[in-house]
PDB file of N, CA and C in Angstrom:
ATOM      1  N   MET A   1       4.422  18.208  -7.346  1.00  0.00           N
ATOM      2  CA  MET A   1       3.749  16.972  -6.990  1.00  0.00           C
ATOM      3  C   MET A   1       4.486  16.349  -5.801  1.00  0.00           C
ATOM      4  N   SER A   2       3.733  15.912  -4.793  1.00  0.00           N
ATOM      5  CA  SER A   2       4.350  15.317  -3.611  1.00  0.00           C
ATOM      6  C   SER A   2       4.860  13.905  -3.915  1.00  0.00           C
ATOM      7  N   THR A   3       5.737  13.433  -3.067  1.00  0.00           N
ATOM      8  CA  THR A   3       6.287  12.084  -3.228  1.00  0.00           C
ATOM      9  C   THR A   3       5.184  11.037  -3.133  1.00  0.00           C
ATOM     10  N   VAL A   4       4.288  11.191  -2.170  1.00  0.00           N
ATOM     11  CA  VAL A   4       3.185  10.238  -2.007  1.00  0.00           C
ATOM     12  C   VAL A   4       2.327  10.221  -3.269  1.00  0.00           C
ATOM     13  N   GLU A   5       2.018  11.378  -3.796  1.00  0.00           N
ATOM     14  CA  GLU A   5       1.206  11.462  -5.010  1.00  0.00           C
ATOM     15  C   GLU A   5       1.889  10.760  -6.179  1.00  0.00           C
ATOM     16  N   MET A   6       3.192  10.955  -6.335  1.00  0.00           N
ATOM     17  CA  MET A   6       3.916  10.294  -7.428  1.00  0.00           C
ATOM     18  C   MET A   6       3.891   8.772  -7.271  1.00  0.00           C
ATOM     19  N   ILE A   7       4.073   8.299  -6.042  1.00  0.00           N
ATOM     20  CA  ILE A   7       4.051   6.853  -5.799  1.00  0.00           C
ATOM     21  C   ILE A   7       2.676   6.281  -6.126  1.00  0.00           C
ATOM     22  N   VAL A   8       1.621   6.921  -5.639  1.00  0.00           N
ATOM     23  CA  VAL A   8       0.264   6.421  -5.862  1.00  0.00           C
ATOM     24  C   VAL A   8      -0.105   6.463  -7.349  1.00  0.00           C
ATOM     25  N   LYS A   9       0.385   7.435  -8.066  1.00  0.00           N
ATOM     26  CA  LYS A   9       0.057   7.542  -9.494  1.00  0.00           C
ATOM     27  C   LYS A   9       0.830   6.547 -10.356  1.00  0.00           C
ATOM     28  N   ASN A  10       2.005   6.109  -9.901  1.00  0.00           N
ATOM     29  CA  ASN A  10       2.886   5.332 -10.774  1.00  0.00           C
ATOM     30  C   ASN A  10       3.126   3.884 -10.379  1.00  0.00           C
ATOM     31  N   GLU A  11       2.755   3.485  -9.170  1.00  0.00           N
ATOM     32  CA  GLU A  11       3.098   2.144  -8.695  1.00  0.00           C
ATOM     33  C   GLU A  11       1.871   1.247  -8.591  1.00  0.00           C
ATOM     34  N   PRO A  12       2.072  -0.089  -8.637  1.00  0.00           N
ATOM     35  CA  PRO A  12       0.955  -1.028  -8.493  1.00  0.00           C
ATOM     36  C   PRO A  12       0.367  -0.977  -7.074  1.00  0.00           C
ATOM     37  N   LEU A  13      -0.890  -1.308  -6.967  1.00  0.00           N
ATOM     38  CA  LEU A  13      -1.602  -1.232  -5.695  1.00  0.00           C
ATOM     39  C   LEU A  13      -0.935  -2.066  -4.606  1.00  0.00           C
ATOM     40  N   ASP A  14      -0.530  -3.281  -4.909  1.00  0.00           N
ATOM     41  CA  ASP A  14       0.091  -4.127  -3.880  1.00  0.00           C
ATOM     42  C   ASP A  14       1.374  -3.502  -3.338  1.00  0.00           C
ATOM     43  N   ASP A  15       2.153  -2.862  -4.179  1.00  0.00           N
ATOM     44  CA  ASP A  15       3.376  -2.199  -3.712  1.00  0.00           C
ATOM     45  C   ASP A  15       3.050  -1.013  -2.810  1.00  0.00           C
ATOM     46  N   ILE A  16       2.018  -0.273  -3.164  1.00  0.00           N
ATOM     47  CA  ILE A  16       1.595   0.865  -2.346  1.00  0.00           C
ATOM     48  C   ILE A  16       1.142   0.381  -0.975  1.00  0.00           C
ATOM     49  N   VAL A  17       0.316  -0.653  -0.957  1.00  0.00           N
ATOM     50  CA  VAL A  17      -0.190  -1.182   0.313  1.00  0.00           C
ATOM     51  C   VAL A  17       0.943  -1.777   1.135  1.00  0.00           C
ATOM     52  N   THR A  18       1.900  -2.441   0.498  1.00  0.00           N
ATOM     53  CA  THR A  18       3.033  -3.031   1.203  1.00  0.00           C
ATOM     54  C   THR A  18       3.760  -1.998   2.063  1.00  0.00           C
ATOM     55  N   VAL A  19       3.869  -0.790   1.577  1.00  0.00           N
ATOM     56  CA  VAL A  19       4.578   0.262   2.310  1.00  0.00           C
ATOM     57  C   VAL A  19       3.644   1.074   3.201  1.00  0.00           C
ATOM     58  N   PHE A  20       2.571   1.579   2.636  1.00  0.00           N
ATOM     59  CA  PHE A  20       1.754   2.534   3.358  1.00  0.00           C
ATOM     60  C   PHE A  20       0.848   1.909   4.418  1.00  0.00           C
ATOM     61  N   ALA A  21       0.593   0.603   4.343  1.00  0.00           N
ATOM     62  CA  ALA A  21      -0.201  -0.055   5.388  1.00  0.00           C
ATOM     63  C   ALA A  21       0.550  -0.072   6.712  1.00  0.00           C
ATOM     64  N   LEU A  22       1.859   0.115   6.660  1.00  0.00           N
ATOM     65  CA  LEU A  22       2.666   0.191   7.873  1.00  0.00           C
ATOM     66  C   LEU A  22       2.524   1.558   8.543  1.00  0.00           C
ATOM     67  N   LEU A  23       2.072   2.544   7.778  1.00  0.00           N
ATOM     68  CA  LEU A  23       2.034   3.937   8.246  1.00  0.00           C
ATOM     69  C   LEU A  23       0.632   4.499   8.413  1.00  0.00           C
ATOM     70  N   GLN A  24      -0.326   3.960   7.668  1.00  0.00           N
ATOM     71  CA  GLN A  24      -1.687   4.486   7.667  1.00  0.00           C
ATOM     72  C   GLN A  24      -2.696   3.359   7.842  1.00  0.00           C
ATOM     73  N   ALA A  25      -3.721   3.615   8.644  1.00  0.00           N
ATOM     74  CA  ALA A  25      -4.817   2.652   8.777  1.00  0.00           C
ATOM     75  C   ALA A  25      -5.586   2.602   7.456  1.00  0.00           C
ATOM     76  N   THR A  26      -6.314   1.529   7.246  1.00  0.00           N
ATOM     77  CA  THR A  26      -7.010   1.302   5.978  1.00  0.00           C
ATOM     78  C   THR A  26      -7.865   2.482   5.508  1.00  0.00           C
ATOM     79  N   PRO A  27      -8.690   3.099   6.367  1.00  0.00           N
ATOM     80  CA  PRO A  27      -9.510   4.220   5.874  1.00  0.00           C
ATOM     81  C   PRO A  27      -8.671   5.388   5.351  1.00  0.00           C
ATOM     82  N   HIS A  28      -7.567   5.664   6.009  1.00  0.00           N
ATOM     83  CA  HIS A  28      -6.702   6.763   5.576  1.00  0.00           C
ATOM     84  C   HIS A  28      -5.971   6.420   4.284  1.00  0.00           C
ATOM     85  N   LEU A  29      -5.547   5.169   4.170  1.00  0.00           N
ATOM     86  CA  LEU A  29      -4.890   4.736   2.940  1.00  0.00           C
ATOM     87  C   LEU A  29      -5.871   4.783   1.772  1.00  0.00           C
ATOM     88  N   ASP A  30      -7.095   4.344   2.018  1.00  0.00           N
ATOM     89  CA  ASP A  30      -8.139   4.403   0.996  1.00  0.00           C
ATOM     90  C   ASP A  30      -8.334   5.851   0.523  1.00  0.00           C
ATOM     91  N   MET A  31      -8.408   6.779   1.469  1.00  0.00           N
ATOM     92  CA  MET A  31      -8.601   8.187   1.139  1.00  0.00           C
ATOM     93  C   MET A  31      -7.411   8.738   0.350  1.00  0.00           C
ATOM     94  N   THR A  32      -6.206   8.367   0.738  1.00  0.00           N
ATOM     95  CA  THR A  32      -5.007   8.812   0.030  1.00  0.00           C
ATOM     96  C   THR A  32      -5.007   8.329  -1.416  1.00  0.00           C
ATOM     97  N   ILE A  33      -5.317   7.059  -1.609  1.00  0.00           N
ATOM     98  CA  ILE A  33      -5.327   6.498  -2.956  1.00  0.00           C
ATOM     99  C   ILE A  33      -6.432   7.137  -3.798  1.00  0.00           C
ATOM    100  N   ARG A  34      -7.604   7.298  -3.217  1.00  0.00           N
ATOM    101  CA  ARG A  34      -8.714   7.923  -3.962  1.00  0.00           C
ATOM    102  C   ARG A  34      -8.384   9.364  -4.353  1.00  0.00           C
ATOM    103  N   ARG A  35      -7.662  10.061  -3.509  1.00  0.00           N
ATOM    104  CA  ARG A  35      -7.314  11.451  -3.796  1.00  0.00           C
ATOM    105  C   ARG A  35      -6.352  11.549  -4.984  1.00  0.00           C
ATOM    106  N   HIS A  36      -5.413  10.627  -5.085  1.00  0.00           N
ATOM    107  CA  HIS A  36      -4.351  10.755  -6.085  1.00  0.00           C
ATOM    108  C   HIS A  36      -4.497   9.856  -7.308  1.00  0.00           C
ATOM    109  N   ASN A  37      -5.219   8.732  -7.186  1.00  0.00           N
ATOM    110  CA  ASN A  37      -5.361   7.831  -8.338  1.00  0.00           C
ATOM    111  C   ASN A  37      -6.576   6.922  -8.152  1.00  0.00           C
ATOM    112  N   ARG A  38      -7.739   7.474  -8.398  1.00  0.00           N
ATOM    113  CA  ARG A  38      -8.997   6.734  -8.233  1.00  0.00           C
ATOM    114  C   ARG A  38      -9.040   5.426  -9.012  1.00  0.00           C
ATOM    115  N   ASP A  39      -8.392   5.396 -10.150  1.00  0.00           N
ATOM    116  CA  ASP A  39      -8.460   4.213 -11.015  1.00  0.00           C
ATOM    117  C   ASP A  39      -7.880   2.966 -10.354  1.00  0.00           C
ATOM    118  N   LEU A  40      -6.951   3.125  -9.417  1.00  0.00           N
ATOM    119  CA  LEU A  40      -6.361   1.964  -8.753  1.00  0.00           C
ATOM    120  C   LEU A  40      -7.386   1.157  -7.974  1.00  0.00           C
ATOM    121  N   ILE A  41      -8.343   1.834  -7.368  1.00  0.00           N
ATOM    122  CA  ILE A  41      -9.334   1.124  -6.561  1.00  0.00           C
ATOM    123  C   ILE A  41     -10.740   1.369  -7.088  1.00  0.00           C
ATOM    124  N   ASN A  42     -10.824   1.572  -8.387  1.00  0.00           N
ATOM    125  CA  ASN A  42     -12.115   1.791  -9.033  1.00  0.00           C
ATOM    126  C   ASN A  42     -13.010   0.569  -8.916  1.00  0.00           C
ATOM    127  N   GLU A  43     -12.413  -0.602  -9.010  1.00  0.00           N
ATOM    128  CA  GLU A  43     -13.167  -1.854  -8.896  1.00  0.00           C
ATOM    129  C   GLU A  43     -13.514  -2.095  -7.423  1.00  0.00           C
ATOM    130  N   TYR A  44     -14.763  -2.435  -7.161  1.00  0.00           N
ATOM    131  CA  TYR A  44     -15.214  -2.657  -5.786  1.00  0.00           C
ATOM    132  C   TYR A  44     -14.364  -3.734  -5.103  1.00  0.00           C
ATOM    133  N   GLY A  45     -13.848  -3.430  -3.927  1.00  0.00           N
ATOM    134  CA  GLY A  45     -13.097  -4.399  -3.141  1.00  0.00           C
ATOM    135  C   GLY A  45     -11.639  -4.544  -3.519  1.00  0.00           C
ATOM    136  N   ALA A  46     -11.120  -3.691  -4.392  1.00  0.00           N
ATOM    137  CA  ALA A  46      -9.730  -3.826  -4.844  1.00  0.00           C
ATOM    138  C   ALA A  46      -8.741  -3.651  -3.693  1.00  0.00           C
ATOM    139  N   LEU A  47      -8.979  -2.675  -2.836  1.00  0.00           N
ATOM    140  CA  LEU A  47      -8.061  -2.445  -1.716  1.00  0.00           C
ATOM    141  C   LEU A  47      -8.110  -3.613  -0.728  1.00  0.00           C
ATOM    142  N   GLU A  48      -9.297  -4.083  -0.435  1.00  0.00           N
ATOM    143  CA  GLU A  48      -9.438  -5.215   0.477  1.00  0.00           C
ATOM    144  C   GLU A  48      -8.795  -6.473  -0.103  1.00  0.00           C
ATOM    145  N   ALA A  49      -8.929  -6.667  -1.406  1.00  0.00           N
ATOM    146  CA  ALA A  49      -8.306  -7.824  -2.063  1.00  0.00           C
ATOM    147  C   ALA A  49      -6.783  -7.736  -1.978  1.00  0.00           C
ATOM    148  N   SER A  50      -6.263  -6.541  -2.121  1.00  0.00           N
ATOM    149  CA  SER A  50      -4.819  -6.346  -2.019  1.00  0.00           C
ATOM    150  C   SER A  50      -4.336  -6.700  -0.609  1.00  0.00           C
ATOM    151  N   TYR A  51      -5.034  -6.190   0.401  1.00  0.00           N
ATOM    152  CA  TYR A  51      -4.690  -6.544   1.788  1.00  0.00           C
ATOM    153  C   TYR A  51      -4.738  -8.051   1.976  1.00  0.00           C
ATOM    154  N   SER A  52      -5.780  -8.689   1.483  1.00  0.00           N
ATOM    155  CA  SER A  52      -5.930 -10.150   1.640  1.00  0.00           C
ATOM    156  C   SER A  52      -4.766 -10.901   1.009  1.00  0.00           C
ATOM    157  N   ARG A  53      -4.378 -10.504  -0.194  1.00  0.00           N
ATOM    158  CA  ARG A  53      -3.236 -11.155  -0.868  1.00  0.00           C
ATOM    159  C   ARG A  53      -1.959 -10.992  -0.042  1.00  0.00           C
ATOM    160  N   LEU A  54      -1.728  -9.791   0.462  1.00  0.00           N
ATOM    161  CA  LEU A  54      -0.490  -9.516   1.203  1.00  0.00           C
ATOM    162  C   LEU A  54      -0.475 -10.223   2.559  1.00  0.00           C
ATOM    163  N   PHE A  55      -1.627 -10.318   3.215  1.00  0.00           N
ATOM    164  CA  PHE A  55      -1.700 -11.067   4.473  1.00  0.00           C
ATOM    165  C   PHE A  55      -1.509 -12.553   4.220  1.00  0.00           C
ATOM    166  N   ALA A  56      -2.137 -13.086   3.190  1.00  0.00           N
ATOM    167  CA  ALA A  56      -2.021 -14.515   2.863  1.00  0.00           C
ATOM    168  C   ALA A  56      -0.590 -14.889   2.485  1.00  0.00           C
ATOM    169  N   ALA A  57       0.120 -13.972   1.850  1.00  0.00           N
ATOM    170  CA  ALA A  57       1.499 -14.232   1.423  1.00  0.00           C
ATOM    171  C   ALA A  57       2.512 -14.018   2.555  1.00  0.00           C
ATOM    172  N   GLY A  58       2.056 -13.552   3.707  1.00  0.00           N
ATOM    173  CA  GLY A  58       2.968 -13.318   4.827  1.00  0.00           C
ATOM    174  C   GLY A  58       3.779 -12.046   4.681  1.00  0.00           C
ATOM    175  N   ILE A  59       3.367 -11.182   3.789  1.00  0.00           N
ATOM    176  CA  ILE A  59       4.077  -9.908   3.599  1.00  0.00           C
ATOM    177  C   ILE A  59       3.671  -8.924   4.689  1.00  0.00           C
ATOM    178  N   LEU A  60       2.390  -8.940   5.053  1.00  0.00           N
ATOM    179  CA  LEU A  60       1.886  -8.094   6.125  1.00  0.00           C
ATOM    180  C   LEU A  60       1.240  -8.966   7.193  1.00  0.00           C
ATOM    181  N   LEU A  61       1.271  -8.469   8.419  1.00  0.00           N
ATOM    182  CA  LEU A  61       0.579  -9.095   9.539  1.00  0.00           C
ATOM    183  C   LEU A  61      -0.239  -8.024  10.243  1.00  0.00           C
ATOM    184  N   GLU A  62      -1.226  -8.455  11.025  1.00  0.00           N
ATOM    185  CA  GLU A  62      -2.049  -7.488  11.749  1.00  0.00           C
ATOM    186  C   GLU A  62      -1.249  -6.867  12.877  1.00  0.00           C
ATOM    187  N   GLY A  63      -1.318  -5.544  12.936  1.00  0.00           N
ATOM    188  CA  GLY A  63      -0.660  -4.811  14.002  1.00  0.00           C
ATOM    189  C   GLY A  63      -1.702  -4.206  14.925  1.00  0.00           C
ATOM    190  N   GLU A  64      -1.340  -3.111  15.554  1.00  0.00           N
ATOM    191  CA  GLU A  64      -2.234  -2.429  16.482  1.00  0.00           C
ATOM    192  C   GLU A  64      -2.780  -1.153  15.858  1.00  0.00           C
ATOM    193  N   LYS A  65      -3.932  -0.733  16.336  1.00  0.00           N
ATOM    194  CA  LYS A  65      -4.560   0.531  15.950  1.00  0.00           C
ATOM    195  C   LYS A  65      -4.794   0.653  14.449  1.00  0.00           C
ATOM    196  N   GLY A  66      -5.137  -0.462  13.809  1.00  0.00           N
ATOM    197  CA  GLY A  66      -5.473  -0.443  12.393  1.00  0.00           C
ATOM    198  C   GLY A  66      -4.288  -0.465  11.445  1.00  0.00           C
ATOM    199  N   LEU A  67      -3.091  -0.504  11.978  1.00  0.00           N
ATOM    200  CA  LEU A  67      -1.899  -0.560  11.134  1.00  0.00           C
ATOM    201  C   LEU A  67      -1.464  -2.004  10.934  1.00  0.00           C
ATOM    202  N   ALA A  68      -0.794  -2.255   9.842  1.00  0.00           N
ATOM    203  CA  ALA A  68      -0.191  -3.567   9.606  1.00  0.00           C
ATOM    204  C   ALA A  68       1.265  -3.501  10.081  1.00  0.00           C
ATOM    205  N   ILE A  69       1.853  -4.654  10.252  1.00  0.00           N
ATOM    206  CA  ILE A  69       3.279  -4.732  10.549  1.00  0.00           C
ATOM    207  C   ILE A  69       3.931  -5.629   9.494  1.00  0.00           C
ATOM    208  N   LYS A  70       5.231  -5.542   9.398  1.00  0.00           N
ATOM    209  CA  LYS A  70       5.958  -6.353   8.423  1.00  0.00           C
ATOM    210  C   LYS A  70       5.852  -7.826   8.790  1.00  0.00           C
ATOM    211  N   GLY A  71       5.508  -8.630   7.803  1.00  0.00           N
ATOM    212  CA  GLY A  71       5.444 -10.066   7.996  1.00  0.00           C
ATOM    213  C   GLY A  71       6.797 -10.703   7.696  1.00  0.00           C
ATOM    214  N   PRO A  72       6.904 -12.011   7.865  1.00  0.00           N
ATOM    215  CA  PRO A  72       8.182 -12.690   7.635  1.00  0.00           C
ATOM    216  C   PRO A  72       8.639 -12.629   6.172  1.00  0.00           C
ATOM    217  N   ASN A  73       7.717 -12.413   5.247  1.00  0.00           N
ATOM    218  CA  ASN A  73       8.072 -12.358   3.820  1.00  0.00           C
ATOM    219  C   ASN A  73       8.108 -10.939   3.267  1.00  0.00           C
ATOM    220  N   TRP A  74       8.104  -9.941   4.159  1.00  0.00           N
ATOM    221  CA  TRP A  74       8.102  -8.547   3.706  1.00  0.00           C
ATOM    222  C   TRP A  74       9.445  -8.196   3.078  1.00  0.00           C
ATOM    223  N   LYS A  75       9.375  -7.598   1.922  1.00  0.00           N
ATOM    224  CA  LYS A  75      10.559  -7.059   1.242  1.00  0.00           C
ATOM    225  C   LYS A  75      10.159  -5.690   0.712  1.00  0.00           C
ATOM    226  N   PRO A  76      11.072  -4.748   0.705  1.00  0.00           N
ATOM    227  CA  PRO A  76      10.704  -3.442   0.160  1.00  0.00           C
ATOM    228  C   PRO A  76      10.393  -3.560  -1.331  1.00  0.00           C
ATOM    229  N   PRO A  77       9.356  -2.865  -1.786  1.00  0.00           N
ATOM    230  CA  PRO A  77       9.042  -2.881  -3.217  1.00  0.00           C
ATOM    231  C   PRO A  77      10.187  -2.279  -4.024  1.00  0.00           C
ATOM    232  N   LYS A  78      10.187  -2.596  -5.290  1.00  0.00           N
ATOM    233  CA  LYS A  78      11.253  -2.165  -6.186  1.00  0.00           C
ATOM    234  C   LYS A  78      11.454  -0.643  -6.176  1.00  0.00           C
ATOM    235  N   PHE A  79      10.351   0.118  -6.101  1.00  0.00           N
ATOM    236  CA  PHE A  79      10.497   1.572  -6.124  1.00  0.00           C
ATOM    237  C   PHE A  79      11.267   2.091  -4.916  1.00  0.00           C
ATOM    238  N   MET A  80      11.250   1.338  -3.812  1.00  0.00           N
ATOM    239  CA  MET A  80      12.022   1.751  -2.629  1.00  0.00           C
ATOM    240  C   MET A  80      13.495   1.389  -2.779  1.00  0.00           C
ATOM    241  N   THR A  81      13.764   0.184  -3.256  1.00  0.00           N
ATOM    242  CA  THR A  81      15.161  -0.238  -3.384  1.00  0.00           C
ATOM    243  C   THR A  81      15.891   0.541  -4.470  1.00  0.00           C
ATOM    244  N   GLU A  82      15.143   0.955  -5.489  1.00  0.00           N
ATOM    245  CA  GLU A  82      15.740   1.752  -6.560  1.00  0.00           C
ATOM    246  C   GLU A  82      15.789   3.234  -6.217  1.00  0.00           C
ATOM    247  N   LYS A  83      15.161   3.607  -5.108  1.00  0.00           N
ATOM    248  CA  LYS A  83      15.110   5.004  -4.649  1.00  0.00           C
ATOM    249  C   LYS A  83      14.610   5.943  -5.743  1.00  0.00           C
ATOM    250  N   ARG A  84      13.500   5.537  -6.376  1.00  0.00           N
ATOM    251  CA  ARG A  84      12.942   6.305  -7.496  1.00  0.00           C
ATOM    252  C   ARG A  84      12.424   7.680  -7.121  1.00  0.00           C
ATOM    253  N   TYR A  85      11.966   7.841  -5.909  1.00  0.00           N
ATOM    254  CA  TYR A  85      11.277   9.087  -5.555  1.00  0.00           C
ATOM    255  C   TYR A  85      12.058   9.942  -4.564  1.00  0.00           C
ATOM    256  N   ILE A  86      13.342   9.739  -4.494  1.00  0.00           N
ATOM    257  CA  ILE A  86      14.171  10.548  -3.583  1.00  0.00           C
ATOM    258  C   ILE A  86      14.839  11.656  -4.364  1.00  0.00           C
TER     259      ILE A  86
END
């Protein structure tokens, strides 16, 4: 199992978006999540709601080419600080 697959299967949606929105545009992130854990975004608009929460909280800001950038309140999710998937 790949590291990305393990993260998507085991972590909350907001934590996944906090990290992967910096690396993947929304359509690609949506495809990644659907491939590895459909249940996370089974509810209509779940991914968009997650982005909205993170933008409103200042965790993410709009970047270029569909990517987000770290906002003033960005902190690495717990799975990163604990180095769970290394």
